[in-house]
Amino acid sequence: MKNVAVLVKKLPTPKSPKKVAITELPGHSIRRLQQIAVSLFMEHTKKHGVTPVQYAALEEIFKSPGLDQRSLATAIRFDTSTIGGVIDRLEKRGLVTRNASPTDRRVRLLELTSEGEHVLAAMQPTVQRAQHAILAPLSETEQVLFIALTKKILAANESLAAVTD
């Protein structure tokens, strides 16, 4: 990886008394990268007025029409206690409908409206541009490696990120 301009220091062990600068902590870098990713997403998709979480919800509902809210939250790894607010905003904009389940009236099944399908389709190019912008500082090889390492960390820690109520 000769293209990497910044050398990363090895993180001290948890038993080490050495203080580590916050900028050297992976959690801090991940949080900052999340801020940057959201900012780039919003910059590229602003004309659609859809947040990254709303976009994920639209994508999942499109993929699985008739999905209930709890299953949606699980699928997009979002908190089940706040997914209702996400759906409220999408429903208010006329992008999603909620209908009572025929087998359990307490359960609401989600579907995209034709406007929701239109917005989702119109967003695809801008979402792709945002994703490219996030990875733009990396070479093609570094992009592939970054995505592979990110997936490895996510897979190893999936149980820690369980959706909760």
C-alpha atoms as a PDB file:
ATOM      1  CA  MET A   1       0.000   0.000   0.000  1.00  0.00           C
ATOM      2  CA  LYS A   2       2.631   2.472  -1.057  1.00  0.00           C
ATOM      3  CA  ASN A   3      -0.047   5.087  -1.907  1.00  0.00           C
ATOM      4  CA  VAL A   4      -1.037   5.594   1.719  1.00  0.00           C
ATOM      5  CA  ALA A   5       0.367   8.969   2.711  1.00  0.00           C
ATOM      6  CA  VAL A   6      -0.324   8.763   6.436  1.00  0.00           C
ATOM      7  CA  LEU A   7       1.463   6.264   8.618  1.00  0.00           C
ATOM      8  CA  VAL A   8      -0.679   4.764  11.338  1.00  0.00           C
ATOM      9  CA  LYS A   9       0.823   4.141  14.738  1.00  0.00           C
ATOM     10  CA  LYS A  10       0.246   0.799  16.375  1.00  0.00           C
ATOM     11  CA  LEU A  11      -2.388   1.089  19.073  1.00  0.00           C
ATOM     12  CA  PRO A  12      -0.974   0.440  22.563  1.00  0.00           C
ATOM     13  CA  THR A  13      -2.333  -2.596  24.380  1.00  0.00           C
ATOM     14  CA  PRO A  14      -5.157  -2.003  26.876  1.00  0.00           C
ATOM     15  CA  LYS A  15      -2.669  -2.605  29.733  1.00  0.00           C
ATOM     16  CA  SER A  16      -0.281   0.067  28.475  1.00  0.00           C
ATOM     17  CA  PRO A  17      -0.250   3.266  30.550  1.00  0.00           C
ATOM     18  CA  LYS A  18       0.598   5.313  27.449  1.00  0.00           C
ATOM     19  CA  LYS A  19      -2.001   7.950  26.597  1.00  0.00           C
ATOM     20  CA  VAL A  20      -3.185   7.792  22.993  1.00  0.00           C
ATOM     21  CA  ALA A  21      -4.287  10.858  21.056  1.00  0.00           C
ATOM     22  CA  ILE A  22      -7.970  10.658  20.159  1.00  0.00           C
ATOM     23  CA  THR A  23      -7.063  11.007  16.481  1.00  0.00           C
ATOM     24  CA  GLU A  24      -5.209   7.689  16.748  1.00  0.00           C
ATOM     25  CA  LEU A  25      -8.243   5.803  18.083  1.00  0.00           C
ATOM     26  CA  PRO A  26     -10.135   3.727  15.498  1.00  0.00           C
ATOM     27  CA  GLY A  27     -13.503   4.496  17.087  1.00  0.00           C
ATOM     28  CA  HIS A  28     -12.918   8.228  16.701  1.00  0.00           C
ATOM     29  CA  SER A  29     -11.891   7.783  13.061  1.00  0.00           C
ATOM     30  CA  ILE A  30     -14.971   5.655  12.377  1.00  0.00           C
ATOM     31  CA  ARG A  31     -17.220   8.304  13.961  1.00  0.00           C
ATOM     32  CA  ARG A  32     -15.572  11.036  11.866  1.00  0.00           C
ATOM     33  CA  LEU A  33     -15.905   8.938   8.719  1.00  0.00           C
ATOM     34  CA  GLN A  34     -19.621   8.477   9.491  1.00  0.00           C
ATOM     35  CA  GLN A  35     -19.983  12.266   9.758  1.00  0.00           C
ATOM     36  CA  ILE A  36     -18.215  12.703   6.424  1.00  0.00           C
ATOM     37  CA  ALA A  37     -20.261   9.955   4.758  1.00  0.00           C
ATOM     38  CA  VAL A  38     -23.544  11.524   5.904  1.00  0.00           C
ATOM     39  CA  SER A  39     -22.377  14.977   4.824  1.00  0.00           C
ATOM     40  CA  LEU A  40     -21.400  13.731   1.356  1.00  0.00           C
ATOM     41  CA  PHE A  41     -24.640  11.748   1.031  1.00  0.00           C
ATOM     42  CA  MET A  42     -26.723  14.803   1.945  1.00  0.00           C
ATOM     43  CA  GLU A  43     -24.688  17.061  -0.351  1.00  0.00           C
ATOM     44  CA  HIS A  44     -25.152  14.763  -3.337  1.00  0.00           C
ATOM     45  CA  THR A  45     -28.808  13.892  -2.685  1.00  0.00           C
ATOM     46  CA  LYS A  46     -30.134  17.172  -1.233  1.00  0.00           C
ATOM     47  CA  LYS A  47     -32.678  17.734  -4.003  1.00  0.00           C
ATOM     48  CA  HIS A  48     -34.439  14.536  -2.902  1.00  0.00           C
ATOM     49  CA  GLY A  49     -34.632  15.486   0.795  1.00  0.00           C
ATOM     50  CA  VAL A  50     -33.989  11.927   1.985  1.00  0.00           C
ATOM     51  CA  THR A  51     -31.579  11.047   4.786  1.00  0.00           C
ATOM     52  CA  PRO A  52     -29.265   8.011   4.649  1.00  0.00           C
ATOM     53  CA  VAL A  53     -31.522   6.074   7.054  1.00  0.00           C
ATOM     54  CA  GLN A  54     -34.623   6.986   5.059  1.00  0.00           C
ATOM     55  CA  TYR A  55     -32.837   5.886   1.890  1.00  0.00           C
ATOM     56  CA  ALA A  56     -31.945   2.533   3.493  1.00  0.00           C
ATOM     57  CA  ALA A  57     -35.595   2.123   4.541  1.00  0.00           C
ATOM     58  CA  LEU A  58     -36.847   2.906   1.026  1.00  0.00           C
ATOM     59  CA  GLU A  59     -34.377   0.431  -0.486  1.00  0.00           C
ATOM     60  CA  GLU A  60     -35.388  -2.334   1.918  1.00  0.00           C
ATOM     61  CA  ILE A  61     -39.127  -1.730   1.494  1.00  0.00           C
ATOM     62  CA  PHE A  62     -38.644  -1.777  -2.287  1.00  0.00           C
ATOM     63  CA  LYS A  63     -36.765  -5.071  -1.996  1.00  0.00           C
ATOM     64  CA  SER A  64     -39.327  -6.583   0.413  1.00  0.00           C
ATOM     65  CA  PRO A  65     -42.779  -5.050  -0.086  1.00  0.00           C
ATOM     66  CA  GLY A  66     -45.146  -5.797   2.802  1.00  0.00           C
ATOM     67  CA  LEU A  67     -42.334  -5.800   5.346  1.00  0.00           C
ATOM     68  CA  ASP A  68     -43.324  -4.872   8.911  1.00  0.00           C
ATOM     69  CA  GLN A  69     -41.555  -2.112  10.845  1.00  0.00           C
ATOM     70  CA  ARG A  70     -39.683  -4.429  13.217  1.00  0.00           C
ATOM     71  CA  SER A  71     -38.331  -6.493  10.318  1.00  0.00           C
ATOM     72  CA  LEU A  72     -37.349  -3.294   8.517  1.00  0.00           C
ATOM     73  CA  ALA A  73     -35.424  -2.075  11.568  1.00  0.00           C
ATOM     74  CA  THR A  74     -33.616  -5.410  11.806  1.00  0.00           C
ATOM     75  CA  ALA A  75     -32.814  -5.483   8.078  1.00  0.00           C
ATOM     76  CA  ILE A  76     -31.265  -1.995   8.019  1.00  0.00           C
ATOM     77  CA  ARG A  77     -29.718  -2.347  11.507  1.00  0.00           C
ATOM     78  CA  PHE A  78     -31.693   0.532  12.963  1.00  0.00           C
ATOM     79  CA  ASP A  79     -33.158   0.933  16.433  1.00  0.00           C
ATOM     80  CA  THR A  80     -36.688  -0.512  16.577  1.00  0.00           C
ATOM     81  CA  SER A  81     -37.878   2.177  18.981  1.00  0.00           C
ATOM     82  CA  THR A  82     -37.092   5.009  16.538  1.00  0.00           C
ATOM     83  CA  ILE A  83     -37.844   3.402  13.169  1.00  0.00           C
ATOM     84  CA  GLY A  84     -41.446   4.548  13.575  1.00  0.00           C
ATOM     85  CA  GLY A  85     -40.353   8.180  13.298  1.00  0.00           C
ATOM     86  CA  VAL A  86     -38.435   7.398  10.110  1.00  0.00           C
ATOM     87  CA  ILE A  87     -41.539   5.757   8.634  1.00  0.00           C
ATOM     88  CA  ASP A  88     -43.751   8.644   9.866  1.00  0.00           C
ATOM     89  CA  ARG A  89     -41.648  11.120   7.867  1.00  0.00           C
ATOM     90  CA  LEU A  90     -41.625   8.928   4.741  1.00  0.00           C
ATOM     91  CA  GLU A  91     -45.378   8.399   5.025  1.00  0.00           C
ATOM     92  CA  LYS A  92     -46.006  12.141   5.512  1.00  0.00           C
ATOM     93  CA  ARG A  93     -44.089  12.793   2.264  1.00  0.00           C
ATOM     94  CA  GLY A  94     -46.222  10.226   0.453  1.00  0.00           C
ATOM     95  CA  LEU A  95     -43.309   7.847  -0.195  1.00  0.00           C
ATOM     96  CA  VAL A  96     -44.513   4.937   1.961  1.00  0.00           C
ATOM     97  CA  THR A  97     -47.852   3.525   3.078  1.00  0.00           C
ATOM     98  CA  ARG A  98     -48.583   1.543   6.245  1.00  0.00           C
ATOM     99  CA  ASN A  99     -51.410  -0.972   6.148  1.00  0.00           C
ATOM    100  CA  ALA A 100     -52.690  -3.254   8.877  1.00  0.00           C
ATOM    101  CA  SER A 101     -51.646  -6.867   8.515  1.00  0.00           C
ATOM    102  CA  PRO A 102     -54.581  -9.155   7.667  1.00  0.00           C
ATOM    103  CA  THR A 103     -53.336 -11.644  10.278  1.00  0.00           C
ATOM    104  CA  ASP A 104     -52.454  -9.204  13.090  1.00  0.00           C
ATOM    105  CA  ARG A 105     -54.083  -5.761  13.149  1.00  0.00           C
ATOM    106  CA  ARG A 106     -51.343  -4.468  15.495  1.00  0.00           C
ATOM    107  CA  VAL A 107     -48.710  -5.009  12.809  1.00  0.00           C
ATOM    108  CA  ARG A 108     -48.280  -2.420  10.064  1.00  0.00           C
ATOM    109  CA  LEU A 109     -46.998  -3.581   6.688  1.00  0.00           C
ATOM    110  CA  LEU A 110     -44.959  -1.185   4.599  1.00  0.00           C
ATOM    111  CA  GLU A 111     -45.118  -0.524   0.877  1.00  0.00           C
ATOM    112  CA  LEU A 112     -43.597   2.126  -1.360  1.00  0.00           C
ATOM    113  CA  THR A 113     -46.014   4.411  -3.137  1.00  0.00           C
ATOM    114  CA  SER A 114     -45.473   5.163  -6.816  1.00  0.00           C
ATOM    115  CA  GLU A 115     -43.897   8.453  -5.667  1.00  0.00           C
ATOM    116  CA  GLY A 116     -41.605   6.479  -3.327  1.00  0.00           C
ATOM    117  CA  GLU A 117     -40.530   4.258  -6.217  1.00  0.00           C
ATOM    118  CA  HIS A 118     -39.927   7.347  -8.365  1.00  0.00           C
ATOM    119  CA  VAL A 119     -37.804   9.080  -5.702  1.00  0.00           C
ATOM    120  CA  LEU A 120     -35.813   5.902  -5.041  1.00  0.00           C
ATOM    121  CA  ALA A 121     -35.073   5.426  -8.742  1.00  0.00           C
ATOM    122  CA  ALA A 122     -34.166   9.105  -9.181  1.00  0.00           C
ATOM    123  CA  MET A 123     -31.752   8.904  -6.244  1.00  0.00           C
ATOM    124  CA  GLN A 124     -29.676   6.008  -7.575  1.00  0.00           C
ATOM    125  CA  PRO A 125     -27.160   8.059  -9.607  1.00  0.00           C
ATOM    126  CA  THR A 126     -26.680  10.636  -6.840  1.00  0.00           C
ATOM    127  CA  VAL A 127     -26.267   7.958  -4.173  1.00  0.00           C
ATOM    128  CA  GLN A 128     -23.634   6.263  -6.332  1.00  0.00           C
ATOM    129  CA  ARG A 129     -21.801   9.570  -6.776  1.00  0.00           C
ATOM    130  CA  ALA A 130     -21.839  10.071  -2.995  1.00  0.00           C
ATOM    131  CA  GLN A 131     -20.352   6.615  -2.452  1.00  0.00           C
ATOM    132  CA  HIS A 132     -17.604   7.349  -4.969  1.00  0.00           C
ATOM    133  CA  ALA A 133     -16.912  10.685  -3.256  1.00  0.00           C
ATOM    134  CA  ILE A 134     -16.491   8.936   0.105  1.00  0.00           C
ATOM    135  CA  LEU A 135     -13.829   6.643  -1.335  1.00  0.00           C
ATOM    136  CA  ALA A 136     -12.265   9.167  -3.745  1.00  0.00           C
ATOM    137  CA  PRO A 137      -9.102   9.755  -1.658  1.00  0.00           C
ATOM    138  CA  LEU A 138      -8.226   6.056  -2.007  1.00  0.00           C
ATOM    139  CA  SER A 139      -6.739   4.260  -4.990  1.00  0.00           C
ATOM    140  CA  GLU A 140      -8.876   1.549  -6.581  1.00  0.00           C
ATOM    141  CA  THR A 141      -6.884  -1.133  -4.740  1.00  0.00           C
ATOM    142  CA  GLU A 142      -7.243   0.729  -1.439  1.00  0.00           C
ATOM    143  CA  GLN A 143     -10.999   1.080  -2.000  1.00  0.00           C
ATOM    144  CA  VAL A 144     -11.386  -2.672  -2.424  1.00  0.00           C
ATOM    145  CA  LEU A 145      -9.219  -3.309   0.640  1.00  0.00           C
ATOM    146  CA  PHE A 146     -11.091  -0.708   2.708  1.00  0.00           C
ATOM    147  CA  ILE A 147     -14.462  -2.271   1.892  1.00  0.00           C
ATOM    148  CA  ALA A 148     -13.141  -5.785   2.597  1.00  0.00           C
ATOM    149  CA  LEU A 149     -11.661  -4.743   5.959  1.00  0.00           C
ATOM    150  CA  THR A 150     -14.812  -2.838   6.919  1.00  0.00           C
ATOM    151  CA  LYS A 151     -16.941  -5.906   6.162  1.00  0.00           C
ATOM    152  CA  LYS A 152     -14.553  -8.072   8.193  1.00  0.00           C
ATOM    153  CA  ILE A 153     -14.870  -5.792  11.240  1.00  0.00           C
ATOM    154  CA  LEU A 154     -18.655  -5.637  10.860  1.00  0.00           C
ATOM    155  CA  ALA A 155     -18.987  -9.403  10.555  1.00  0.00           C
ATOM    156  CA  ALA A 156     -16.788 -10.034  13.586  1.00  0.00           C
ATOM    157  CA  ASN A 157     -18.816  -7.628  15.710  1.00  0.00           C
ATOM    158  CA  GLU A 158     -22.332  -8.184  14.369  1.00  0.00           C
ATOM    159  CA  SER A 159     -23.642  -9.458  17.701  1.00  0.00           C
ATOM    160  CA  LEU A 160     -22.598  -6.195  19.384  1.00  0.00           C
ATOM    161  CA  ALA A 161     -24.676  -4.144  16.980  1.00  0.00           C
ATOM    162  CA  ALA A 162     -27.918  -6.024  17.544  1.00  0.00           C
ATOM    163  CA  VAL A 163     -31.016  -3.941  17.051  1.00  0.00           C
ATOM    164  CA  THR A 164     -32.592  -3.115  20.396  1.00  0.00           C
ATOM    165  CA  ASP A 165     -35.876  -1.716  21.619  1.00  0.00           C
END
